[in-house]
Amino acid sequence: MCNPERPILCSKLSDFDDLCERVAERHHLKGFYRAFMSTSTQWLSNLFDGTCMDAKIINMHEQTLFNSFKEMFQDKPAQNELLDVQGLKPQ
């Protein structure tokens, strides 16, 4: 089973989505959380499929990464650090 302490046990996108939700709950974050990942059956650009296109994308420290979902695909760098499931900058 995928859990925040052992994320390498996640084996499919829905496991990572569940992990994101559990981490958000643990940190008392409000909102909708999904794993920003592409797989052979799910493209990152289709994650929200037309909804919430103007919503800000934030990290677990509530720092803005992108001002909108669309901005992620305009070759602009993130405004703040992308974090792993433990809230740390990946090595």
N, C-alpha and C. Protein backbone atom coordinates (compact mmCIF):
# COMPACT_ATOMS: atom_id res chain seq x y z
N MET A 1 0.84 -1.19 0.00
CA MET A 1 0.00 0.00 0.00
C MET A 1 0.88 1.25 0.00
N CYS A 2 0.46 2.23 -0.73
CA CYS A 2 1.19 3.49 -0.83
C CYS A 2 0.90 4.35 0.40
N ASN A 3 1.94 4.87 1.04
CA ASN A 3 1.73 5.76 2.18
C ASN A 3 2.82 6.82 2.21
N PRO A 4 2.59 7.94 2.93
CA PRO A 4 3.54 9.05 2.91
C PRO A 4 4.95 8.67 3.37
N GLU A 5 5.07 7.70 4.24
CA GLU A 5 6.39 7.30 4.72
C GLU A 5 7.13 6.41 3.73
N ARG A 6 6.42 5.75 2.83
CA ARG A 6 7.03 4.84 1.86
C ARG A 6 6.43 5.05 0.48
N PRO A 7 6.60 6.25 -0.11
CA PRO A 7 5.97 6.53 -1.40
C PRO A 7 6.47 5.66 -2.54
N ILE A 8 7.61 4.98 -2.38
CA ILE A 8 8.09 4.12 -3.47
C ILE A 8 7.19 2.91 -3.66
N LEU A 9 6.29 2.67 -2.71
CA LEU A 9 5.36 1.55 -2.85
C LEU A 9 4.14 1.91 -3.70
N CYS A 10 4.03 3.17 -4.11
CA CYS A 10 2.95 3.56 -5.01
C CYS A 10 3.21 2.91 -6.37
N SER A 11 2.18 2.31 -6.94
CA SER A 11 2.39 1.60 -8.19
C SER A 11 1.55 2.12 -9.35
N LYS A 12 0.55 2.94 -9.08
CA LYS A 12 -0.28 3.46 -10.16
C LYS A 12 -0.69 4.89 -9.82
N LEU A 13 -1.17 5.61 -10.81
CA LEU A 13 -1.50 7.01 -10.63
C LEU A 13 -2.51 7.23 -9.51
N SER A 14 -3.51 6.38 -9.41
CA SER A 14 -4.51 6.56 -8.35
C SER A 14 -3.88 6.42 -6.96
N ASP A 15 -2.83 5.60 -6.82
CA ASP A 15 -2.12 5.51 -5.54
C ASP A 15 -1.49 6.85 -5.19
N PHE A 16 -0.87 7.50 -6.19
CA PHE A 16 -0.24 8.79 -5.95
C PHE A 16 -1.29 9.86 -5.67
N ASP A 17 -2.44 9.80 -6.35
CA ASP A 17 -3.53 10.74 -6.07
C ASP A 17 -4.00 10.58 -4.63
N ASP A 18 -4.19 9.35 -4.19
CA ASP A 18 -4.60 9.09 -2.80
C ASP A 18 -3.55 9.60 -1.83
N LEU A 19 -2.30 9.40 -2.16
CA LEU A 19 -1.21 9.88 -1.31
C LEU A 19 -1.26 11.40 -1.19
N CYS A 20 -1.48 12.09 -2.29
CA CYS A 20 -1.58 13.55 -2.26
C CYS A 20 -2.72 14.00 -1.35
N GLU A 21 -3.85 13.34 -1.46
CA GLU A 21 -5.00 13.68 -0.61
C GLU A 21 -4.68 13.46 0.87
N ARG A 22 -4.04 12.34 1.20
CA ARG A 22 -3.71 12.06 2.60
C ARG A 22 -2.70 13.06 3.15
N VAL A 23 -1.71 13.41 2.35
CA VAL A 23 -0.72 14.40 2.79
C VAL A 23 -1.40 15.76 3.00
N ALA A 24 -2.29 16.14 2.10
CA ALA A 24 -3.01 17.41 2.24
C ALA A 24 -3.86 17.41 3.51
N GLU A 25 -4.53 16.30 3.78
CA GLU A 25 -5.33 16.20 5.00
C GLU A 25 -4.44 16.30 6.24
N ARG A 26 -3.30 15.64 6.21
CA ARG A 26 -2.39 15.66 7.35
C ARG A 26 -1.90 17.08 7.64
N HIS A 27 -1.73 17.88 6.59
CA HIS A 27 -1.27 19.25 6.76
C HIS A 27 -2.43 20.25 6.84
N HIS A 28 -3.65 19.72 6.91
CA HIS A 28 -4.87 20.54 7.02
C HIS A 28 -4.98 21.55 5.88
N LEU A 29 -4.62 21.12 4.68
CA LEU A 29 -4.72 21.98 3.50
C LEU A 29 -6.10 21.82 2.88
N LYS A 30 -6.70 22.93 2.50
CA LYS A 30 -7.99 22.90 1.84
C LYS A 30 -7.76 22.87 0.34
N GLY A 31 -8.68 22.28 -0.38
CA GLY A 31 -8.57 22.27 -1.83
C GLY A 31 -8.56 20.86 -2.39
N PHE A 32 -8.22 20.79 -3.66
CA PHE A 32 -8.24 19.54 -4.41
C PHE A 32 -6.80 19.20 -4.78
N TYR A 33 -6.36 18.01 -4.45
CA TYR A 33 -4.96 17.63 -4.67
C TYR A 33 -4.87 16.39 -5.54
N ARG A 34 -4.03 16.49 -6.57
CA ARG A 34 -3.78 15.38 -7.49
C ARG A 34 -2.29 15.29 -7.73
N ALA A 35 -1.84 14.12 -8.08
CA ALA A 35 -0.43 13.94 -8.45
C ALA A 35 -0.21 14.53 -9.84
N PHE A 36 0.79 15.36 -9.99
CA PHE A 36 1.13 15.93 -11.29
C PHE A 36 2.09 14.98 -11.97
N MET A 37 1.51 13.96 -12.61
CA MET A 37 2.30 12.92 -13.25
C MET A 37 1.62 12.51 -14.55
N SER A 38 2.41 12.10 -15.49
CA SER A 38 1.88 11.52 -16.72
C SER A 38 2.15 10.03 -16.70
N THR A 39 1.22 9.28 -17.25
CA THR A 39 1.39 7.83 -17.39
C THR A 39 1.05 7.47 -18.83
N SER A 40 1.11 6.21 -19.14
CA SER A 40 0.79 5.79 -20.50
C SER A 40 -0.69 5.99 -20.83
N THR A 41 -1.54 6.12 -19.81
CA THR A 41 -2.97 6.31 -20.05
C THR A 41 -3.49 7.67 -19.58
N GLN A 42 -2.66 8.47 -18.93
CA GLN A 42 -3.10 9.77 -18.40
C GLN A 42 -2.03 10.81 -18.67
N TRP A 43 -2.32 11.77 -19.54
CA TRP A 43 -1.38 12.85 -19.82
C TRP A 43 -1.58 13.95 -18.80
N LEU A 44 -0.48 14.51 -18.34
CA LEU A 44 -0.53 15.60 -17.37
C LEU A 44 -1.37 16.76 -17.87
N SER A 45 -1.26 17.09 -19.14
CA SER A 45 -2.01 18.22 -19.70
C SER A 45 -3.52 17.99 -19.68
N ASN A 46 -3.97 16.75 -19.52
CA ASN A 46 -5.40 16.44 -19.47
C ASN A 46 -5.89 16.19 -18.05
N LEU A 47 -5.07 16.48 -17.07
CA LEU A 47 -5.40 16.15 -15.68
C LEU A 47 -6.75 16.71 -15.25
N PHE A 48 -7.03 17.96 -15.57
CA PHE A 48 -8.29 18.57 -15.17
C PHE A 48 -9.27 18.70 -16.32
N ASP A 49 -8.81 18.42 -17.52
CA ASP A 49 -9.66 18.37 -18.71
C ASP A 49 -10.61 19.56 -18.82
N GLY A 50 -10.05 20.77 -18.75
CA GLY A 50 -10.85 21.97 -19.00
C GLY A 50 -11.44 22.63 -17.77
N THR A 51 -11.38 22.00 -16.62
CA THR A 51 -11.91 22.62 -15.41
C THR A 51 -10.77 23.24 -14.62
N CYS A 52 -11.08 24.25 -13.87
CA CYS A 52 -10.11 24.90 -12.98
C CYS A 52 -8.88 25.41 -13.73
N MET A 53 -9.01 25.80 -14.96
CA MET A 53 -7.85 26.21 -15.74
C MET A 53 -7.23 27.50 -15.21
N ASP A 54 -7.97 28.30 -14.44
CA ASP A 54 -7.43 29.53 -13.90
C ASP A 54 -7.06 29.41 -12.42
N ALA A 55 -7.14 28.21 -11.87
CA ALA A 55 -6.79 28.01 -10.46
C ALA A 55 -5.28 28.08 -10.29
N LYS A 56 -4.83 28.65 -9.18
CA LYS A 56 -3.40 28.69 -8.88
C LYS A 56 -2.92 27.29 -8.53
N ILE A 57 -1.70 26.99 -8.90
CA ILE A 57 -1.05 25.73 -8.55
C ILE A 57 -0.07 26.07 -7.43
N ILE A 58 -0.24 25.42 -6.27
CA ILE A 58 0.61 25.72 -5.12
C ILE A 58 1.31 24.46 -4.63
N ASN A 59 2.38 24.64 -3.87
CA ASN A 59 3.05 23.49 -3.26
C ASN A 59 2.53 23.30 -1.83
N MET A 60 3.10 22.35 -1.11
CA MET A 60 2.61 22.03 0.23
C MET A 60 2.88 23.12 1.25
N HIS A 61 3.72 24.08 0.91
CA HIS A 61 3.99 25.21 1.81
C HIS A 61 3.14 26.42 1.42
N GLU A 62 2.12 26.15 0.58
CA GLU A 62 1.18 27.16 0.09
C GLU A 62 1.88 28.29 -0.68
N GLN A 63 2.99 27.97 -1.31
CA GLN A 63 3.70 28.91 -2.17
C GLN A 63 3.22 28.69 -3.60
N THR A 64 2.97 29.77 -4.30
CA THR A 64 2.50 29.67 -5.68
C THR A 64 3.59 29.11 -6.58
N LEU A 65 3.24 28.07 -7.32
CA LEU A 65 4.14 27.52 -8.33
C LEU A 65 3.83 28.14 -9.69
N PHE A 66 2.54 28.16 -10.03
CA PHE A 66 2.08 28.73 -11.29
C PHE A 66 0.79 29.50 -11.01
N ASN A 67 0.59 30.61 -11.70
CA ASN A 67 -0.61 31.42 -11.48
C ASN A 67 -1.87 30.78 -12.05
N SER A 68 -1.70 29.83 -12.95
CA SER A 68 -2.84 29.09 -13.51
C SER A 68 -2.35 27.75 -14.02
N PHE A 69 -3.27 26.84 -14.21
CA PHE A 69 -2.93 25.53 -14.74
C PHE A 69 -2.33 25.67 -16.14
N LYS A 70 -2.90 26.59 -16.92
CA LYS A 70 -2.41 26.82 -18.29
C LYS A 70 -0.95 27.26 -18.30
N GLU A 71 -0.56 28.04 -17.29
CA GLU A 71 0.80 28.58 -17.24
C GLU A 71 1.85 27.46 -17.14
N MET A 72 1.47 26.32 -16.60
CA MET A 72 2.41 25.20 -16.48
C MET A 72 2.90 24.73 -17.84
N PHE A 73 2.09 24.92 -18.87
CA PHE A 73 2.41 24.40 -20.20
C PHE A 73 2.87 25.50 -21.16
N GLN A 74 3.30 26.63 -20.61
CA GLN A 74 3.78 27.74 -21.43
C GLN A 74 5.29 27.91 -21.30
N ASP A 75 5.99 26.85 -20.96
CA ASP A 75 7.46 26.87 -20.82
C ASP A 75 7.95 27.91 -19.83
N LYS A 76 7.15 28.19 -18.80
CA LYS A 76 7.57 29.10 -17.74
C LYS A 76 8.04 28.26 -16.55
N PRO A 77 9.11 28.67 -15.90
CA PRO A 77 9.56 27.91 -14.72
C PRO A 77 8.62 28.14 -13.54
N ALA A 78 8.61 27.21 -12.62
CA ALA A 78 7.82 27.37 -11.39
C ALA A 78 8.35 28.57 -10.61
N GLN A 79 7.46 29.30 -9.94
CA GLN A 79 7.85 30.48 -9.17
C GLN A 79 8.52 30.09 -7.85
N ASN A 80 8.23 28.90 -7.36
CA ASN A 80 8.81 28.39 -6.11
C ASN A 80 9.19 26.93 -6.32
N GLU A 81 9.74 26.33 -5.29
CA GLU A 81 10.25 24.96 -5.42
C GLU A 81 9.14 23.92 -5.49
N LEU A 82 9.33 22.96 -6.38
CA LEU A 82 8.49 21.78 -6.41
C LEU A 82 8.95 20.89 -5.26
N LEU A 83 8.01 20.28 -4.57
CA LEU A 83 8.35 19.50 -3.38
C LEU A 83 7.93 18.05 -3.53
N ASP A 84 8.58 17.17 -2.78
CA ASP A 84 8.17 15.77 -2.77
C ASP A 84 7.03 15.59 -1.76
N VAL A 85 6.57 14.36 -1.57
CA VAL A 85 5.42 14.10 -0.71
C VAL A 85 5.70 14.39 0.76
N GLN A 86 6.95 14.59 1.13
CA GLN A 86 7.29 14.93 2.51
C GLN A 86 7.52 16.43 2.68
N GLY A 87 7.24 17.20 1.64
CA GLY A 87 7.40 18.64 1.70
C GLY A 87 8.82 19.12 1.55
N LEU A 88 9.68 18.27 1.00
CA LEU A 88 11.10 18.60 0.83
C LEU A 88 11.44 18.76 -0.64
N LYS A 89 12.49 19.52 -0.92
CA LYS A 89 12.96 19.64 -2.29
C LYS A 89 13.61 18.32 -2.69
N PRO A 90 13.16 17.71 -3.79
CA PRO A 90 13.75 16.42 -4.21
C PRO A 90 15.25 16.55 -4.45
N GLN A 91 15.97 15.49 -4.12
CA GLN A 91 17.44 15.48 -4.31
C GLN A 91 17.78 15.27 -5.76
